Amino acid sequence: MPDKSPALPRVIPQGARIVVRRTAGIDPDTGRMTYRDVVGHVRHWDGKTLEMTRDAAANGSRPAQRVSIAADSIVRLKPVPERPNNGTRGITR
């Protein structure tokens, strides 16, 4: 059976902001694979484990946190731009 894991980069620059989609197991009700996304900045990548600082939630419901993601759980990763820092976030008019 061919390996279906994605070709992961050998190097991911420290400080790069990326989104990582990882497997989160099988949903017991549907039997389908579930996924979770993590957005944040790379701390370290050795080809086996991705160490990141996950961004805080934009609405303040979750602080930034350190996460470790095993390479074999990564489905996709891609760079994402930094959040705008214009000081108007959360203001309603």
N, C-alpha and C. Protein backbone atom coordinates (compact mmCIF):
# COMPACT_ATOMS: atom_id res chain seq x y z
N MET A 1 0.85 -1.18 0.00
CA MET A 1 0.00 0.00 0.00
C MET A 1 0.89 1.24 0.00
N PRO A 2 0.67 2.18 -0.91
CA PRO A 2 1.53 3.37 -0.97
C PRO A 2 1.32 4.28 0.23
N ASP A 3 2.40 4.97 0.59
CA ASP A 3 2.36 5.92 1.70
C ASP A 3 1.59 7.16 1.27
N LYS A 4 0.56 7.56 2.04
CA LYS A 4 -0.26 8.71 1.67
C LYS A 4 0.09 9.96 2.47
N SER A 5 1.17 9.91 3.27
CA SER A 5 1.54 11.08 4.05
C SER A 5 2.10 12.15 3.11
N PRO A 6 1.88 13.42 3.46
CA PRO A 6 2.35 14.49 2.59
C PRO A 6 3.87 14.60 2.63
N ALA A 7 4.43 15.12 1.57
CA ALA A 7 5.86 15.40 1.56
C ALA A 7 6.08 16.67 2.39
N LEU A 8 6.65 16.52 3.55
CA LEU A 8 6.88 17.67 4.43
C LEU A 8 8.22 18.29 4.12
N PRO A 9 8.33 19.60 4.30
CA PRO A 9 9.60 20.27 4.00
C PRO A 9 10.70 19.83 4.97
N ARG A 10 11.92 19.81 4.48
CA ARG A 10 13.06 19.48 5.34
C ARG A 10 13.35 20.62 6.30
N VAL A 11 13.09 21.85 5.86
CA VAL A 11 13.37 23.03 6.68
C VAL A 11 12.12 23.90 6.75
N ILE A 12 11.77 24.30 7.96
CA ILE A 12 10.73 25.30 8.17
C ILE A 12 11.37 26.39 9.02
N PRO A 13 11.47 27.61 8.52
CA PRO A 13 12.19 28.65 9.25
C PRO A 13 11.56 28.97 10.61
N GLN A 14 12.41 29.11 11.59
CA GLN A 14 11.94 29.51 12.92
C GLN A 14 11.28 30.88 12.80
N GLY A 15 10.13 31.04 13.44
CA GLY A 15 9.40 32.31 13.40
C GLY A 15 8.37 32.41 12.29
N ALA A 16 8.40 31.46 11.33
CA ALA A 16 7.42 31.48 10.25
C ALA A 16 6.03 31.26 10.83
N ARG A 17 5.04 31.99 10.33
CA ARG A 17 3.65 31.79 10.76
C ARG A 17 2.99 30.85 9.77
N ILE A 18 2.47 29.73 10.27
CA ILE A 18 1.89 28.71 9.41
C ILE A 18 0.58 28.20 10.00
N VAL A 19 -0.20 27.54 9.16
CA VAL A 19 -1.36 26.78 9.61
C VAL A 19 -1.05 25.31 9.34
N VAL A 20 -1.29 24.49 10.35
CA VAL A 20 -1.03 23.05 10.26
C VAL A 20 -2.36 22.33 10.44
N ARG A 21 -2.73 21.50 9.49
CA ARG A 21 -3.90 20.64 9.63
C ARG A 21 -3.39 19.28 10.06
N ARG A 22 -3.94 18.77 11.16
CA ARG A 22 -3.50 17.48 11.67
C ARG A 22 -4.70 16.57 11.92
N THR A 23 -4.46 15.29 11.89
CA THR A 23 -5.53 14.33 12.16
C THR A 23 -5.87 14.37 13.64
N ALA A 24 -7.16 14.17 13.94
CA ALA A 24 -7.62 14.19 15.33
C ALA A 24 -8.40 12.93 15.66
N GLY A 25 -8.30 11.91 14.83
CA GLY A 25 -8.96 10.65 15.12
C GLY A 25 -10.24 10.46 14.32
N ILE A 26 -10.88 9.34 14.58
CA ILE A 26 -12.11 8.97 13.89
C ILE A 26 -13.30 9.41 14.72
N ASP A 27 -14.27 10.06 14.08
CA ASP A 27 -15.51 10.44 14.75
C ASP A 27 -16.31 9.18 15.01
N PRO A 28 -16.68 8.91 16.27
CA PRO A 28 -17.39 7.67 16.56
C PRO A 28 -18.80 7.60 15.97
N ASP A 29 -19.41 8.75 15.72
CA ASP A 29 -20.77 8.76 15.17
C ASP A 29 -20.80 8.54 13.66
N THR A 30 -19.85 9.16 12.95
CA THR A 30 -19.86 9.08 11.49
C THR A 30 -18.85 8.09 10.92
N GLY A 31 -17.84 7.75 11.71
CA GLY A 31 -16.77 6.88 11.22
C GLY A 31 -15.79 7.59 10.31
N ARG A 32 -15.91 8.91 10.22
CA ARG A 32 -15.02 9.69 9.34
C ARG A 32 -13.86 10.28 10.13
N MET A 33 -12.75 10.48 9.43
CA MET A 33 -11.59 11.11 10.04
C MET A 33 -11.92 12.56 10.39
N THR A 34 -11.45 13.02 11.54
CA THR A 34 -11.62 14.42 11.92
C THR A 34 -10.25 15.10 11.93
N TYR A 35 -10.27 16.40 11.78
CA TYR A 35 -9.03 17.18 11.67
C TYR A 35 -9.10 18.39 12.59
N ARG A 36 -7.94 18.87 12.99
CA ARG A 36 -7.83 20.10 13.78
C ARG A 36 -6.75 20.96 13.15
N ASP A 37 -6.99 22.26 13.12
CA ASP A 37 -6.02 23.21 12.58
C ASP A 37 -5.35 23.95 13.72
N VAL A 38 -4.05 24.20 13.55
CA VAL A 38 -3.28 24.97 14.51
C VAL A 38 -2.61 26.09 13.72
N VAL A 39 -2.80 27.33 14.16
CA VAL A 39 -2.17 28.49 13.52
C VAL A 39 -1.20 29.10 14.53
N GLY A 40 0.02 29.32 14.09
CA GLY A 40 0.98 29.93 14.99
C GLY A 40 2.35 30.04 14.36
N HIS A 41 3.34 30.27 15.22
CA HIS A 41 4.71 30.51 14.77
C HIS A 41 5.60 29.32 15.12
N VAL A 42 6.44 28.95 14.18
CA VAL A 42 7.34 27.81 14.34
C VAL A 42 8.43 28.16 15.36
N ARG A 43 8.63 27.24 16.30
CA ARG A 43 9.75 27.35 17.23
C ARG A 43 10.88 26.43 16.81
N HIS A 44 10.51 25.21 16.37
CA HIS A 44 11.54 24.23 15.98
C HIS A 44 10.90 23.14 15.13
N TRP A 45 11.65 22.67 14.14
CA TRP A 45 11.21 21.56 13.28
C TRP A 45 12.42 20.68 13.03
N ASP A 46 12.31 19.40 13.41
CA ASP A 46 13.41 18.47 13.20
C ASP A 46 13.06 17.35 12.22
N GLY A 47 11.89 17.48 11.55
CA GLY A 47 11.45 16.46 10.62
C GLY A 47 10.57 15.40 11.26
N LYS A 48 10.56 15.35 12.59
CA LYS A 48 9.74 14.38 13.31
C LYS A 48 8.68 15.05 14.18
N THR A 49 9.04 16.20 14.75
CA THR A 49 8.12 16.93 15.62
C THR A 49 8.20 18.41 15.29
N LEU A 50 7.03 19.03 15.16
CA LEU A 50 6.95 20.47 14.91
C LEU A 50 6.57 21.14 16.23
N GLU A 51 7.44 22.01 16.71
CA GLU A 51 7.19 22.78 17.93
C GLU A 51 6.72 24.16 17.50
N MET A 52 5.56 24.58 18.01
CA MET A 52 4.98 25.87 17.62
C MET A 52 4.49 26.63 18.85
N THR A 53 4.35 27.93 18.67
CA THR A 53 3.61 28.75 19.61
C THR A 53 2.30 29.06 18.92
N ARG A 54 1.24 28.44 19.42
CA ARG A 54 -0.09 28.63 18.83
C ARG A 54 -0.58 30.03 19.15
N ASP A 55 -1.15 30.70 18.14
CA ASP A 55 -1.68 32.05 18.34
C ASP A 55 -2.81 32.04 19.37
N ALA A 56 -2.90 33.12 20.10
CA ALA A 56 -4.04 33.31 20.99
C ALA A 56 -5.29 33.49 20.13
N ALA A 57 -6.44 33.11 20.67
CA ALA A 57 -7.69 33.32 19.93
C ALA A 57 -7.92 34.81 19.75
N ALA A 58 -8.42 35.17 18.59
CA ALA A 58 -8.65 36.59 18.28
C ALA A 58 -9.66 37.22 19.23
N ASN A 59 -10.59 36.42 19.75
CA ASN A 59 -11.61 36.96 20.65
C ASN A 59 -11.20 36.90 22.12
N GLY A 60 -9.97 36.46 22.38
CA GLY A 60 -9.46 36.42 23.74
C GLY A 60 -9.88 35.19 24.54
N SER A 61 -10.54 34.23 23.92
CA SER A 61 -11.03 33.06 24.65
C SER A 61 -9.94 32.03 24.95
N ARG A 62 -8.78 32.12 24.29
CA ARG A 62 -7.69 31.18 24.53
C ARG A 62 -6.37 31.92 24.41
N PRO A 63 -5.50 31.79 25.42
CA PRO A 63 -4.20 32.44 25.32
C PRO A 63 -3.28 31.70 24.35
N ALA A 64 -2.18 32.33 23.97
CA ALA A 64 -1.17 31.65 23.16
C ALA A 64 -0.64 30.47 23.97
N GLN A 65 -0.26 29.41 23.27
CA GLN A 65 0.26 28.25 23.98
C GLN A 65 1.27 27.51 23.13
N ARG A 66 2.18 26.81 23.79
CA ARG A 66 3.15 25.98 23.10
C ARG A 66 2.52 24.65 22.77
N VAL A 67 2.74 24.17 21.54
CA VAL A 67 2.22 22.88 21.13
C VAL A 67 3.31 22.09 20.40
N SER A 68 3.23 20.78 20.50
CA SER A 68 4.11 19.87 19.77
C SER A 68 3.22 19.01 18.88
N ILE A 69 3.58 18.91 17.61
CA ILE A 69 2.78 18.15 16.65
C ILE A 69 3.69 17.10 16.00
N ALA A 70 3.29 15.84 16.10
CA ALA A 70 4.05 14.76 15.48
C ALA A 70 3.91 14.84 13.97
N ALA A 71 5.01 14.65 13.26
CA ALA A 71 5.01 14.74 11.80
C ALA A 71 4.02 13.78 11.16
N ASP A 72 3.85 12.59 11.74
CA ASP A 72 2.95 11.61 11.12
C ASP A 72 1.47 11.97 11.27
N SER A 73 1.15 13.01 12.06
CA SER A 73 -0.25 13.46 12.18
C SER A 73 -0.54 14.66 11.27
N ILE A 74 0.49 15.21 10.62
CA ILE A 74 0.32 16.39 9.77
C ILE A 74 -0.24 15.98 8.42
N VAL A 75 -1.36 16.61 8.06
CA VAL A 75 -2.00 16.36 6.77
C VAL A 75 -1.56 17.43 5.77
N ARG A 76 -1.47 18.66 6.22
CA ARG A 76 -1.13 19.78 5.34
C ARG A 76 -0.57 20.91 6.18
N LEU A 77 0.33 21.67 5.60
CA LEU A 77 0.77 22.91 6.23
C LEU A 77 1.03 23.94 5.16
N LYS A 78 0.80 25.20 5.54
CA LYS A 78 1.04 26.28 4.59
C LYS A 78 1.28 27.57 5.35
N PRO A 79 2.03 28.48 4.74
CA PRO A 79 2.28 29.78 5.39
C PRO A 79 1.02 30.63 5.38
N VAL A 80 0.86 31.44 6.40
CA VAL A 80 -0.25 32.39 6.47
C VAL A 80 0.29 33.74 6.90
N PRO A 81 -0.34 34.83 6.45
CA PRO A 81 0.16 36.16 6.81
C PRO A 81 -0.10 36.47 8.28
N GLU A 82 0.65 37.41 8.79
CA GLU A 82 0.45 37.87 10.16
C GLU A 82 -0.91 38.53 10.27
N ARG A 83 -1.47 38.52 11.47
CA ARG A 83 -2.73 39.23 11.72
C ARG A 83 -2.48 40.71 11.64
N PRO A 84 -3.47 41.45 11.13
CA PRO A 84 -3.31 42.92 11.12
C PRO A 84 -3.31 43.43 12.57
N ASN A 85 -2.54 44.44 12.82
CA ASN A 85 -2.46 45.01 14.16
C ASN A 85 -2.81 46.49 14.05
N ASN A 86 -4.09 46.74 13.73
CA ASN A 86 -4.47 48.12 13.50
C ASN A 86 -5.21 48.74 14.68
N GLY A 87 -5.36 48.01 15.78
CA GLY A 87 -5.96 48.58 16.97
C GLY A 87 -7.47 48.68 16.93
N THR A 88 -8.13 48.24 15.86
CA THR A 88 -9.59 48.35 15.78
C THR A 88 -10.28 47.03 16.00
N ARG A 89 -9.53 45.97 16.21
CA ARG A 89 -10.11 44.65 16.40
C ARG A 89 -11.00 44.66 17.66
N GLY A 90 -12.19 44.15 17.53
CA GLY A 90 -13.09 44.04 18.67
C GLY A 90 -13.92 45.27 18.94
N ILE A 91 -13.76 46.32 18.16
CA ILE A 91 -14.55 47.54 18.38
C ILE A 91 -15.78 47.48 17.49
N THR A 92 -16.94 47.63 18.10
CA THR A 92 -18.18 47.66 17.31
C THR A 92 -18.71 49.09 17.30
N ARG A 93 -19.28 49.44 16.19
CA ARG A 93 -19.82 50.80 16.06
C ARG A 93 -21.26 50.74 15.68
